Amino acid sequence: MTSFSETLKNATWSDHESAEDESYLKELMGGRLSEHDYGELVAQHYFAYLALDGAAKALADHPVAGRFVFPELYREQALERDLQTVYGAGWRDRIVPSKATRTLVARIEQVADWPGGYIAHHYTRYMGDLSGGQFIRMELQKIYGYQKGGGVDFYLFDEVGSLPRFKNEYRARLDALPFGEREQRRMIGEVKLAYQLNTEVLGELLHVVKAAA
């Protein structure tokens, strides 16, 4: 019998690949964007993770969703260091959530009282950050010369310890979810939507940086 974590991965893999293939990331990884263009991505992450981690804190005592609340993952402070590095002391006055980010944040807040919805968005973001996000970090360090302490701290998870071990534990918790087939399908649908919304954030970023060029 296929585990739920494997079913979830297989059912959403094409959505995951579509997000990774987004042209903004290709431009970024190709070294064709300015540091401030990269800062636009950091800024959108900031607003999204304020919502996601805010939902986590509210659900810490929930018997199901609470199993997917990891304070060691919270990204607010890391993103603030990154924004300070990119934009300087006045970074708060430089950033605004894009239309696509506002839509993503609204959806996270809308499903925050549904354990499967919260876990879907948490899974989509954090399992990506702990996997492909590590390659992005290494490339950004090469392109912009960032070091630990600001610039790419968003991608550093020192408090987690072994990333492979953590991801295995995360998958085990997915497999232990008390969800029947109908609820599993509902959660898979939300993960697909989460990928779509995150891809739209990247698409809007590409439009912004090209318009400013």
N, C-alpha and C. Protein backbone atom coordinates (compact mmCIF):
# COMPACT_ATOMS: atom_id res chain seq x y z
N MET A 1 0.85 -1.20 0.00
CA MET A 1 0.00 0.00 0.00
C MET A 1 0.88 1.25 0.00
N THR A 2 0.58 2.19 -0.89
CA THR A 2 1.36 3.42 -0.98
C THR A 2 1.04 4.32 0.20
N SER A 3 2.06 4.88 0.82
CA SER A 3 1.87 5.77 1.96
C SER A 3 1.23 7.07 1.48
N PHE A 4 0.61 7.79 2.41
CA PHE A 4 -0.02 9.06 2.04
C PHE A 4 1.02 10.07 1.58
N SER A 5 2.18 10.11 2.25
CA SER A 5 3.21 11.07 1.85
C SER A 5 3.65 10.82 0.41
N GLU A 6 3.74 9.54 0.02
CA GLU A 6 4.14 9.21 -1.35
C GLU A 6 3.01 9.54 -2.32
N THR A 7 1.78 9.24 -1.93
CA THR A 7 0.63 9.58 -2.76
C THR A 7 0.54 11.08 -2.98
N LEU A 8 0.75 11.84 -1.92
CA LEU A 8 0.71 13.30 -1.99
C LEU A 8 1.79 13.83 -2.93
N LYS A 9 2.98 13.31 -2.80
CA LYS A 9 4.08 13.74 -3.66
C LYS A 9 3.79 13.43 -5.12
N ASN A 10 3.34 12.21 -5.39
CA ASN A 10 3.07 11.81 -6.78
C ASN A 10 1.92 12.60 -7.39
N ALA A 11 0.90 12.87 -6.58
CA ALA A 11 -0.29 13.55 -7.10
C ALA A 11 -0.04 15.02 -7.39
N THR A 12 0.98 15.59 -6.78
CA THR A 12 1.24 17.03 -6.93
C THR A 12 2.57 17.32 -7.61
N TRP A 13 3.24 16.29 -8.11
CA TRP A 13 4.58 16.49 -8.66
C TRP A 13 4.58 17.44 -9.85
N SER A 14 3.60 17.31 -10.73
CA SER A 14 3.57 18.20 -11.89
C SER A 14 3.36 19.65 -11.47
N ASP A 15 2.59 19.86 -10.42
CA ASP A 15 2.37 21.22 -9.90
C ASP A 15 3.67 21.76 -9.31
N HIS A 16 4.40 20.88 -8.61
CA HIS A 16 5.69 21.25 -8.03
C HIS A 16 6.66 21.65 -9.12
N GLU A 17 6.72 20.86 -10.20
CA GLU A 17 7.65 21.15 -11.29
C GLU A 17 7.28 22.44 -12.00
N SER A 18 5.99 22.72 -12.12
CA SER A 18 5.56 23.97 -12.76
C SER A 18 6.03 25.17 -11.96
N ALA A 19 5.99 25.05 -10.63
CA ALA A 19 6.47 26.14 -9.78
C ALA A 19 7.97 26.32 -9.94
N GLU A 20 8.72 25.23 -10.00
CA GLU A 20 10.17 25.32 -10.13
C GLU A 20 10.59 25.84 -11.49
N ASP A 21 9.76 25.61 -12.51
CA ASP A 21 10.10 26.03 -13.87
C ASP A 21 9.73 27.49 -14.14
N GLU A 22 9.12 28.14 -13.17
CA GLU A 22 8.70 29.53 -13.37
C GLU A 22 9.89 30.38 -13.80
N SER A 23 9.66 31.24 -14.81
CA SER A 23 10.75 31.98 -15.44
C SER A 23 11.48 32.91 -14.49
N TYR A 24 10.78 33.44 -13.46
CA TYR A 24 11.48 34.31 -12.51
C TYR A 24 12.64 33.56 -11.88
N LEU A 25 12.41 32.31 -11.47
CA LEU A 25 13.49 31.54 -10.85
C LEU A 25 14.61 31.26 -11.85
N LYS A 26 14.26 31.03 -13.11
CA LYS A 26 15.29 30.82 -14.13
C LYS A 26 16.15 32.07 -14.29
N GLU A 27 15.50 33.21 -14.30
CA GLU A 27 16.25 34.47 -14.40
C GLU A 27 17.13 34.68 -13.17
N LEU A 28 16.59 34.37 -12.01
CA LEU A 28 17.33 34.55 -10.76
C LEU A 28 18.53 33.61 -10.71
N MET A 29 18.29 32.35 -10.99
CA MET A 29 19.37 31.36 -10.93
C MET A 29 20.40 31.56 -12.04
N GLY A 30 20.00 32.24 -13.10
CA GLY A 30 20.93 32.54 -14.18
C GLY A 30 21.76 33.78 -13.92
N GLY A 31 21.56 34.42 -12.77
CA GLY A 31 22.34 35.59 -12.42
C GLY A 31 21.98 36.83 -13.22
N ARG A 32 20.75 36.85 -13.74
CA ARG A 32 20.34 37.96 -14.61
C ARG A 32 19.48 39.00 -13.90
N LEU A 33 19.33 38.86 -12.58
CA LEU A 33 18.53 39.83 -11.82
C LEU A 33 19.41 40.58 -10.84
N SER A 34 19.07 41.84 -10.60
CA SER A 34 19.82 42.64 -9.65
C SER A 34 19.53 42.17 -8.22
N GLU A 35 20.35 42.65 -7.30
CA GLU A 35 20.13 42.29 -5.91
C GLU A 35 18.76 42.78 -5.43
N HIS A 36 18.36 43.95 -5.90
CA HIS A 36 17.05 44.48 -5.48
C HIS A 36 15.91 43.68 -6.12
N ASP A 37 16.13 43.16 -7.34
CA ASP A 37 15.14 42.27 -7.94
C ASP A 37 14.97 41.02 -7.09
N TYR A 38 16.07 40.51 -6.58
CA TYR A 38 16.00 39.37 -5.66
C TYR A 38 15.28 39.76 -4.38
N GLY A 39 15.50 40.99 -3.93
CA GLY A 39 14.84 41.47 -2.73
C GLY A 39 13.33 41.44 -2.84
N GLU A 40 12.81 41.60 -4.06
CA GLU A 40 11.36 41.51 -4.25
C GLU A 40 10.84 40.13 -3.85
N LEU A 41 11.61 39.10 -4.17
CA LEU A 41 11.22 37.75 -3.77
C LEU A 41 11.26 37.60 -2.25
N VAL A 42 12.32 38.11 -1.64
CA VAL A 42 12.44 38.04 -0.17
C VAL A 42 11.25 38.74 0.48
N ALA A 43 10.87 39.88 -0.07
CA ALA A 43 9.76 40.64 0.49
C ALA A 43 8.45 39.84 0.43
N GLN A 44 8.20 39.20 -0.71
CA GLN A 44 6.96 38.42 -0.83
C GLN A 44 6.98 37.21 0.10
N HIS A 45 8.15 36.61 0.26
CA HIS A 45 8.28 35.53 1.24
C HIS A 45 7.94 36.04 2.64
N TYR A 46 8.39 37.23 2.96
CA TYR A 46 8.17 37.79 4.29
C TYR A 46 6.68 37.84 4.62
N PHE A 47 5.89 38.37 3.71
CA PHE A 47 4.45 38.49 3.98
C PHE A 47 3.79 37.12 4.03
N ALA A 48 4.20 36.21 3.16
CA ALA A 48 3.60 34.88 3.14
C ALA A 48 3.92 34.10 4.42
N TYR A 49 5.15 34.23 4.90
CA TYR A 49 5.53 33.46 6.09
C TYR A 49 5.02 34.09 7.38
N LEU A 50 4.78 35.38 7.38
CA LEU A 50 4.09 35.96 8.53
C LEU A 50 2.72 35.30 8.69
N ALA A 51 2.05 35.08 7.57
CA ALA A 51 0.73 34.44 7.61
C ALA A 51 0.84 32.96 7.98
N LEU A 52 1.77 32.25 7.35
CA LEU A 52 1.89 30.82 7.57
C LEU A 52 2.33 30.50 9.00
N ASP A 53 3.34 31.22 9.46
CA ASP A 53 3.82 30.96 10.83
C ASP A 53 2.86 31.51 11.87
N GLY A 54 2.11 32.55 11.51
CA GLY A 54 1.07 33.04 12.41
C GLY A 54 -0.01 31.99 12.61
N ALA A 55 -0.37 31.32 11.51
CA ALA A 55 -1.34 30.23 11.62
C ALA A 55 -0.77 29.11 12.48
N ALA A 56 0.50 28.82 12.32
CA ALA A 56 1.14 27.75 13.11
C ALA A 56 1.06 28.05 14.60
N LYS A 57 1.37 29.27 14.97
CA LYS A 57 1.34 29.63 16.39
C LYS A 57 -0.06 29.50 16.97
N ALA A 58 -1.08 29.82 16.17
CA ALA A 58 -2.45 29.71 16.64
C ALA A 58 -2.90 28.26 16.77
N LEU A 59 -2.23 27.36 16.05
CA LEU A 59 -2.63 25.96 16.02
C LEU A 59 -1.73 25.07 16.86
N ALA A 60 -0.84 25.66 17.63
CA ALA A 60 0.16 24.87 18.36
C ALA A 60 -0.45 23.79 19.24
N ASP A 61 -1.62 24.04 19.80
CA ASP A 61 -2.25 23.07 20.70
C ASP A 61 -3.29 22.19 20.02
N HIS A 62 -3.43 22.32 18.72
CA HIS A 62 -4.42 21.52 18.01
C HIS A 62 -3.94 20.07 17.94
N PRO A 63 -4.82 19.10 18.22
CA PRO A 63 -4.38 17.70 18.26
C PRO A 63 -3.86 17.15 16.93
N VAL A 64 -4.31 17.71 15.81
CA VAL A 64 -3.84 17.23 14.51
C VAL A 64 -2.85 18.22 13.89
N ALA A 65 -3.29 19.45 13.69
CA ALA A 65 -2.41 20.45 13.06
C ALA A 65 -1.18 20.73 13.91
N GLY A 66 -1.31 20.61 15.23
CA GLY A 66 -0.18 20.88 16.11
C GLY A 66 1.01 19.99 15.87
N ARG A 67 0.78 18.83 15.23
CA ARG A 67 1.89 17.94 14.89
C ARG A 67 2.75 18.51 13.78
N PHE A 68 2.27 19.57 13.15
CA PHE A 68 3.00 20.22 12.06
C PHE A 68 3.33 21.67 12.41
N VAL A 69 3.54 21.90 13.67
CA VAL A 69 3.98 23.20 14.16
C VAL A 69 5.40 23.02 14.69
N PHE A 70 6.35 23.67 14.00
CA PHE A 70 7.76 23.52 14.35
C PHE A 70 8.37 24.92 14.54
N PRO A 71 8.49 25.39 15.77
CA PRO A 71 9.07 26.72 15.99
C PRO A 71 10.46 26.88 15.38
N GLU A 72 11.20 25.78 15.26
CA GLU A 72 12.54 25.87 14.69
C GLU A 72 12.52 26.20 13.20
N LEU A 73 11.34 26.14 12.59
CA LEU A 73 11.22 26.50 11.18
C LEU A 73 10.82 27.96 10.95
N TYR A 74 10.31 28.63 11.95
CA TYR A 74 9.78 29.98 11.76
C TYR A 74 10.80 30.86 11.02
N ARG A 75 10.29 31.62 10.05
CA ARG A 75 11.18 32.35 9.13
C ARG A 75 11.21 33.86 9.32
N GLU A 76 10.41 34.43 10.19
CA GLU A 76 10.32 35.89 10.27
C GLU A 76 11.67 36.55 10.53
N GLN A 77 12.38 36.10 11.54
CA GLN A 77 13.65 36.75 11.88
C GLN A 77 14.68 36.58 10.78
N ALA A 78 14.73 35.40 10.17
CA ALA A 78 15.68 35.17 9.08
C ALA A 78 15.37 36.09 7.90
N LEU A 79 14.10 36.23 7.57
CA LEU A 79 13.72 37.10 6.45
C LEU A 79 14.00 38.56 6.77
N GLU A 80 13.85 38.96 8.00
CA GLU A 80 14.18 40.34 8.38
C GLU A 80 15.67 40.60 8.20
N ARG A 81 16.50 39.64 8.55
CA ARG A 81 17.95 39.80 8.33
C ARG A 81 18.26 39.90 6.84
N ASP A 82 17.58 39.09 6.04
CA ASP A 82 17.81 39.12 4.60
C ASP A 82 17.38 40.45 4.00
N LEU A 83 16.23 40.97 4.42
CA LEU A 83 15.75 42.24 3.91
C LEU A 83 16.66 43.39 4.33
N GLN A 84 17.16 43.33 5.55
CA GLN A 84 18.12 44.33 6.04
C GLN A 84 19.37 44.32 5.17
N THR A 85 19.83 43.14 4.80
CA THR A 85 21.04 43.01 3.98
C THR A 85 20.82 43.57 2.58
N VAL A 86 19.67 43.27 2.00
CA VAL A 86 19.39 43.68 0.62
C VAL A 86 19.04 45.16 0.53
N TYR A 87 18.19 45.66 1.43
CA TYR A 87 17.65 47.00 1.30
C TYR A 87 18.17 48.01 2.32
N GLY A 88 18.84 47.52 3.36
CA GLY A 88 19.32 48.43 4.38
C GLY A 88 18.32 48.67 5.48
N ALA A 89 18.64 49.62 6.36
CA ALA A 89 17.85 49.84 7.57
C ALA A 89 16.41 50.24 7.28
N GLY A 90 16.15 50.86 6.15
CA GLY A 90 14.79 51.31 5.84
C GLY A 90 13.97 50.30 5.06
N TRP A 91 14.29 49.01 5.21
CA TRP A 91 13.64 47.99 4.38
C TRP A 91 12.13 47.93 4.56
N ARG A 92 11.64 48.24 5.76
CA ARG A 92 10.19 48.14 5.98
C ARG A 92 9.41 49.12 5.09
N ASP A 93 10.04 50.22 4.73
CA ASP A 93 9.38 51.20 3.89
C ASP A 93 9.51 50.87 2.40
N ARG A 94 10.28 49.83 2.10
CA ARG A 94 10.55 49.48 0.71
C ARG A 94 9.68 48.34 0.20
N ILE A 95 9.01 47.64 1.09
CA ILE A 95 8.34 46.41 0.66
C ILE A 95 6.82 46.50 0.80
N VAL A 96 6.13 45.91 -0.16
CA VAL A 96 4.67 45.80 -0.12
C VAL A 96 4.31 44.43 -0.68
N PRO A 97 3.22 43.83 -0.20
CA PRO A 97 2.81 42.56 -0.77
C PRO A 97 2.19 42.77 -2.15
N SER A 98 2.57 41.92 -3.08
CA SER A 98 1.98 41.99 -4.41
C SER A 98 0.54 41.48 -4.38
N LYS A 99 -0.18 41.69 -5.47
CA LYS A 99 -1.56 41.20 -5.56
C LYS A 99 -1.59 39.68 -5.37
N ALA A 100 -0.66 38.97 -6.02
CA ALA A 100 -0.62 37.51 -5.92
C ALA A 100 -0.29 37.07 -4.50
N THR A 101 0.59 37.80 -3.84
CA THR A 101 0.92 37.46 -2.45
C THR A 101 -0.26 37.70 -1.55
N ARG A 102 -0.99 38.77 -1.76
CA ARG A 102 -2.18 39.02 -0.95
C ARG A 102 -3.20 37.90 -1.12
N THR A 103 -3.31 37.38 -2.34
CA THR A 103 -4.22 36.26 -2.60
C THR A 103 -3.75 35.01 -1.85
N LEU A 104 -2.45 34.75 -1.89
CA LEU A 104 -1.89 33.60 -1.18
C LEU A 104 -2.11 33.73 0.32
N VAL A 105 -1.83 34.90 0.86
CA VAL A 105 -2.00 35.13 2.30
C VAL A 105 -3.47 34.95 2.69
N ALA A 106 -4.37 35.48 1.87
CA ALA A 106 -5.80 35.35 2.16
C ALA A 106 -6.22 33.88 2.19
N ARG A 107 -5.66 33.09 1.29
CA ARG A 107 -6.02 31.67 1.28
C ARG A 107 -5.46 30.95 2.51
N ILE A 108 -4.23 31.25 2.89
CA ILE A 108 -3.67 30.65 4.09
C ILE A 108 -4.53 30.96 5.30
N GLU A 109 -4.95 32.22 5.41
CA GLU A 109 -5.79 32.62 6.54
C GLU A 109 -7.17 31.99 6.47
N GLN A 110 -7.68 31.82 5.25
CA GLN A 110 -9.01 31.25 5.07
C GLN A 110 -9.09 29.80 5.53
N VAL A 111 -8.02 29.03 5.28
CA VAL A 111 -8.05 27.60 5.61
C VAL A 111 -7.34 27.27 6.92
N ALA A 112 -6.94 28.29 7.66
CA ALA A 112 -6.15 28.06 8.87
C ALA A 112 -6.89 27.26 9.93
N ASP A 113 -8.23 27.29 9.90
CA ASP A 113 -8.99 26.53 10.90
C ASP A 113 -9.31 25.12 10.42
N TRP A 114 -8.80 24.75 9.26
CA TRP A 114 -8.93 23.39 8.74
C TRP A 114 -7.55 22.73 8.78
N PRO A 115 -7.34 21.73 9.61
CA PRO A 115 -6.01 21.13 9.75
C PRO A 115 -5.38 20.75 8.42
N GLY A 116 -6.17 20.11 7.54
CA GLY A 116 -5.63 19.70 6.25
C GLY A 116 -5.19 20.89 5.40
N GLY A 117 -5.91 22.00 5.52
CA GLY A 117 -5.55 23.19 4.75
C GLY A 117 -4.26 23.81 5.24
N TYR A 118 -4.15 23.95 6.55
CA TYR A 118 -2.90 24.48 7.12
C TYR A 118 -1.72 23.59 6.75
N ILE A 119 -1.88 22.28 6.93
CA ILE A 119 -0.78 21.36 6.65
C ILE A 119 -0.42 21.40 5.16
N ALA A 120 -1.41 21.56 4.30
CA ALA A 120 -1.15 21.62 2.86
C ALA A 120 -0.23 22.78 2.51
N HIS A 121 -0.49 23.94 3.05
CA HIS A 121 0.36 25.11 2.75
C HIS A 121 1.71 25.00 3.45
N HIS A 122 1.72 24.44 4.65
CA HIS A 122 2.98 24.24 5.37
C HIS A 122 3.87 23.27 4.60
N TYR A 123 3.29 22.18 4.15
CA TYR A 123 4.02 21.18 3.37
C TYR A 123 4.57 21.78 2.07
N THR A 124 3.72 22.50 1.36
CA THR A 124 4.13 23.07 0.08
C THR A 124 5.32 23.99 0.22
N ARG A 125 5.30 24.84 1.22
CA ARG A 125 6.39 25.79 1.40
C ARG A 125 7.61 25.15 2.05
N TYR A 126 7.43 24.58 3.21
CA TYR A 126 8.61 24.17 3.99
C TYR A 126 9.32 22.95 3.43
N MET A 127 8.60 21.98 2.91
CA MET A 127 9.31 20.85 2.33
C MET A 127 10.08 21.26 1.09
N GLY A 128 9.58 22.28 0.39
CA GLY A 128 10.33 22.83 -0.73
C GLY A 128 11.56 23.59 -0.28
N ASP A 129 11.42 24.36 0.78
CA ASP A 129 12.55 25.13 1.31
C ASP A 129 13.67 24.21 1.79
N LEU A 130 13.28 23.09 2.38
CA LEU A 130 14.26 22.16 2.93
C LEU A 130 14.87 21.27 1.85
N SER A 131 14.31 21.29 0.66
CA SER A 131 14.81 20.45 -0.43
C SER A 131 15.43 21.33 -1.52
N GLY A 132 14.66 21.67 -2.55
CA GLY A 132 15.19 22.49 -3.63
C GLY A 132 15.67 23.85 -3.18
N GLY A 133 15.12 24.34 -2.08
CA GLY A 133 15.55 25.64 -1.55
C GLY A 133 17.02 25.66 -1.18
N GLN A 134 17.58 24.52 -0.85
CA GLN A 134 18.99 24.47 -0.49
C GLN A 134 19.88 24.68 -1.71
N PHE A 135 19.45 24.21 -2.87
CA PHE A 135 20.17 24.48 -4.11
C PHE A 135 20.08 25.96 -4.45
N ILE A 136 18.89 26.54 -4.29
CA ILE A 136 18.72 27.97 -4.55
C ILE A 136 19.67 28.78 -3.67
N ARG A 137 19.75 28.42 -2.40
CA ARG A 137 20.66 29.13 -1.47
C ARG A 137 22.09 29.11 -1.98
N MET A 138 22.58 27.96 -2.37
CA MET A 138 23.97 27.85 -2.82
C MET A 138 24.22 28.69 -4.07
N GLU A 139 23.25 28.70 -4.98
CA GLU A 139 23.40 29.51 -6.19
C GLU A 139 23.38 31.00 -5.86
N LEU A 140 22.51 31.41 -4.96
CA LEU A 140 22.44 32.82 -4.58
C LEU A 140 23.72 33.27 -3.89
N GLN A 141 24.31 32.40 -3.12
CA GLN A 141 25.58 32.73 -2.47
C GLN A 141 26.66 32.97 -3.51
N LYS A 142 26.65 32.17 -4.58
CA LYS A 142 27.63 32.36 -5.66
C LYS A 142 27.38 33.66 -6.41
N ILE A 143 26.10 33.94 -6.69
CA ILE A 143 25.75 35.09 -7.51
C ILE A 143 25.97 36.42 -6.78
N TYR A 144 25.50 36.49 -5.52
CA TYR A 144 25.52 37.76 -4.80
C TYR A 144 26.58 37.82 -3.70
N GLY A 145 27.23 36.73 -3.43
CA GLY A 145 28.27 36.73 -2.41
C GLY A 145 27.76 36.75 -0.99
N TYR A 146 26.53 36.35 -0.77
CA TYR A 146 25.98 36.36 0.58
C TYR A 146 26.65 35.31 1.46
N GLN A 147 26.71 35.63 2.74
CA GLN A 147 27.20 34.69 3.74
C GLN A 147 26.15 34.57 4.83
N LYS A 148 26.33 33.65 5.72
CA LYS A 148 25.41 33.48 6.83
C LYS A 148 25.35 34.77 7.64
N GLY A 149 24.15 35.18 7.99
CA GLY A 149 23.96 36.42 8.74
C GLY A 149 23.11 37.43 8.00
N GLY A 150 22.76 37.13 6.74
CA GLY A 150 21.90 38.03 5.98
C GLY A 150 22.05 37.83 4.49
N GLY A 151 20.94 37.79 3.81
CA GLY A 151 20.95 37.61 2.36
C GLY A 151 20.25 36.33 1.96
N VAL A 152 20.67 35.23 2.58
CA VAL A 152 20.05 33.94 2.29
C VAL A 152 19.74 33.17 3.57
N ASP A 153 19.61 33.88 4.67
CA ASP A 153 19.30 33.20 5.94
C ASP A 153 17.95 32.49 5.89
N PHE A 154 17.06 32.94 5.03
CA PHE A 154 15.77 32.28 4.86
C PHE A 154 15.92 30.80 4.59
N TYR A 155 16.99 30.44 3.87
CA TYR A 155 17.19 29.06 3.47
C TYR A 155 18.04 28.26 4.46
N LEU A 156 18.46 28.89 5.55
CA LEU A 156 19.30 28.21 6.54
C LEU A 156 18.43 27.71 7.69
N PHE A 157 18.56 26.43 7.99
CA PHE A 157 17.74 25.81 9.03
C PHE A 157 18.64 25.12 10.05
N ASP A 158 19.54 25.88 10.64
CA ASP A 158 20.51 25.31 11.57
C ASP A 158 19.84 24.65 12.77
N GLU A 159 18.71 25.22 13.22
CA GLU A 159 18.05 24.68 14.42
C GLU A 159 17.35 23.35 14.16
N VAL A 160 17.20 23.01 12.89
CA VAL A 160 16.52 21.76 12.54
C VAL A 160 17.45 20.56 12.70
N GLY A 161 18.74 20.79 12.50
CA GLY A 161 19.69 19.68 12.54
C GLY A 161 19.75 19.00 11.18
N SER A 162 19.74 17.69 11.17
CA SER A 162 19.81 16.93 9.92
C SER A 162 18.54 17.14 9.09
N LEU A 163 18.69 17.72 7.90
CA LEU A 163 17.52 17.96 7.06
C LEU A 163 16.90 16.65 6.56
N PRO A 164 17.69 15.68 6.12
CA PRO A 164 17.08 14.40 5.71
C PRO A 164 16.30 13.73 6.84
N ARG A 165 16.84 13.76 8.04
CA ARG A 165 16.14 13.14 9.17
C ARG A 165 14.84 13.89 9.46
N PHE A 166 14.88 15.21 9.41
CA PHE A 166 13.68 16.00 9.66
C PHE A 166 12.61 15.71 8.61
N LYS A 167 13.01 15.66 7.36
CA LYS A 167 12.04 15.41 6.29
C LYS A 167 11.43 14.02 6.40
N ASN A 168 12.23 13.06 6.82
CA ASN A 168 11.69 11.72 7.03
C ASN A 168 10.65 11.72 8.16
N GLU A 169 10.93 12.46 9.22
CA GLU A 169 9.99 12.56 10.33
C GLU A 169 8.71 13.27 9.87
N TYR A 170 8.88 14.29 9.04
CA TYR A 170 7.72 15.03 8.52
C TYR A 170 6.84 14.09 7.70
N ARG A 171 7.46 13.29 6.84
CA ARG A 171 6.69 12.34 6.03
C ARG A 171 5.98 11.32 6.91
N ALA A 172 6.64 10.89 7.97
CA ALA A 172 6.02 9.94 8.90
C ALA A 172 4.78 10.55 9.55
N ARG A 173 4.84 11.83 9.85
CA ARG A 173 3.68 12.50 10.44
C ARG A 173 2.55 12.64 9.42
N LEU A 174 2.90 12.86 8.15
CA LEU A 174 1.88 12.88 7.11
C LEU A 174 1.19 11.52 7.02
N ASP A 175 1.99 10.47 7.09
CA ASP A 175 1.44 9.12 6.98
C ASP A 175 0.55 8.77 8.16
N ALA A 176 0.78 9.43 9.29
CA ALA A 176 0.01 9.14 10.51
C ALA A 176 -1.23 10.01 10.65
N LEU A 177 -1.49 10.90 9.69
CA LEU A 177 -2.67 11.76 9.77
C LEU A 177 -3.95 10.92 9.82
N PRO A 178 -4.88 11.29 10.70
CA PRO A 178 -6.12 10.51 10.83
C PRO A 178 -7.15 10.91 9.77
N PHE A 179 -6.72 10.91 8.51
CA PHE A 179 -7.58 11.35 7.42
C PHE A 179 -8.03 10.14 6.61
N GLY A 180 -9.31 10.10 6.31
CA GLY A 180 -9.82 9.10 5.39
C GLY A 180 -9.53 9.51 3.96
N GLU A 181 -9.93 8.69 3.02
CA GLU A 181 -9.62 8.94 1.61
C GLU A 181 -10.18 10.27 1.13
N ARG A 182 -11.39 10.60 1.54
CA ARG A 182 -12.00 11.85 1.10
C ARG A 182 -11.20 13.05 1.59
N GLU A 183 -10.78 13.03 2.86
CA GLU A 183 -10.02 14.15 3.41
C GLU A 183 -8.63 14.21 2.79
N GLN A 184 -8.06 13.06 2.49
CA GLN A 184 -6.77 13.04 1.81
C GLN A 184 -6.87 13.70 0.43
N ARG A 185 -7.93 13.38 -0.30
CA ARG A 185 -8.12 14.00 -1.62
C ARG A 185 -8.31 15.50 -1.48
N ARG A 186 -9.02 15.91 -0.46
CA ARG A 186 -9.24 17.34 -0.23
C ARG A 186 -7.91 18.04 0.05
N MET A 187 -7.06 17.42 0.85
CA MET A 187 -5.76 18.01 1.16
C MET A 187 -4.87 18.05 -0.08
N ILE A 188 -4.90 17.00 -0.88
CA ILE A 188 -4.13 17.00 -2.13
C ILE A 188 -4.56 18.15 -3.02
N GLY A 189 -5.87 18.39 -3.10
CA GLY A 189 -6.37 19.51 -3.88
C GLY A 189 -5.86 20.84 -3.37
N GLU A 190 -5.75 20.97 -2.05
CA GLU A 190 -5.25 22.22 -1.47
C GLU A 190 -3.75 22.40 -1.74
N VAL A 191 -3.00 21.31 -1.73
CA VAL A 191 -1.58 21.40 -2.07
C VAL A 191 -1.42 21.86 -3.51
N LYS A 192 -2.23 21.33 -4.41
CA LYS A 192 -2.17 21.75 -5.81
C LYS A 192 -2.49 23.24 -5.94
N LEU A 193 -3.48 23.70 -5.18
CA LEU A 193 -3.82 25.12 -5.19
C LEU A 193 -2.68 25.94 -4.61
N ALA A 194 -2.06 25.44 -3.55
CA ALA A 194 -0.94 26.17 -2.94
C ALA A 194 0.20 26.34 -3.93
N TYR A 195 0.51 25.30 -4.68
CA TYR A 195 1.55 25.42 -5.71
C TYR A 195 1.15 26.46 -6.75
N GLN A 196 -0.12 26.44 -7.16
CA GLN A 196 -0.60 27.39 -8.16
C GLN A 196 -0.44 28.83 -7.64
N LEU A 197 -0.86 29.07 -6.40
CA LEU A 197 -0.78 30.42 -5.85
C LEU A 197 0.66 30.88 -5.70
N ASN A 198 1.54 29.99 -5.30
CA ASN A 198 2.96 30.35 -5.19
C ASN A 198 3.57 30.61 -6.56
N THR A 199 3.14 29.85 -7.56
CA THR A 199 3.63 30.08 -8.92
C THR A 199 3.17 31.43 -9.44
N GLU A 200 1.95 31.82 -9.08
CA GLU A 200 1.44 33.13 -9.50
C GLU A 200 2.23 34.26 -8.86
N VAL A 201 2.70 34.06 -7.65
CA VAL A 201 3.57 35.07 -7.01
C VAL A 201 4.83 35.25 -7.83
N LEU A 202 5.43 34.15 -8.26
CA LEU A 202 6.66 34.24 -9.06
C LEU A 202 6.38 34.87 -10.42
N GLY A 203 5.24 34.54 -11.00
CA GLY A 203 4.90 35.13 -12.29
C GLY A 203 4.73 36.63 -12.21
N GLU A 204 4.12 37.10 -11.14
CA GLU A 204 3.94 38.54 -10.96
C GLU A 204 5.28 39.22 -10.71
N LEU A 205 6.17 38.55 -9.99
CA LEU A 205 7.51 39.11 -9.76
C LEU A 205 8.24 39.30 -11.08
N LEU A 206 8.14 38.33 -11.97
CA LEU A 206 8.82 38.45 -13.26
C LEU A 206 8.28 39.65 -14.02
N HIS A 207 6.96 39.85 -13.97
CA HIS A 207 6.36 40.99 -14.67
C HIS A 207 6.89 42.31 -14.07
N VAL A 208 7.03 42.36 -12.77
CA VAL A 208 7.49 43.58 -12.10
C VAL A 208 8.94 43.90 -12.49
N VAL A 209 9.81 42.90 -12.44
CA VAL A 209 11.23 43.16 -12.73
C VAL A 209 11.45 43.49 -14.20
N LYS A 210 10.67 42.90 -15.07
CA LYS A 210 10.80 43.21 -16.51
C LYS A 210 10.27 44.60 -16.80
N ALA A 211 9.21 45.00 -16.12
CA ALA A 211 8.65 46.33 -16.33
C ALA A 211 9.60 47.41 -15.86
N ALA A 212 10.40 47.07 -14.82
CA ALA A 212 11.34 48.05 -14.27
C ALA A 212 12.65 48.10 -15.02
N ALA A 213 12.87 47.13 -15.90
CA ALA A 213 14.16 47.05 -16.62
C ALA A 213 14.29 48.17 -17.65
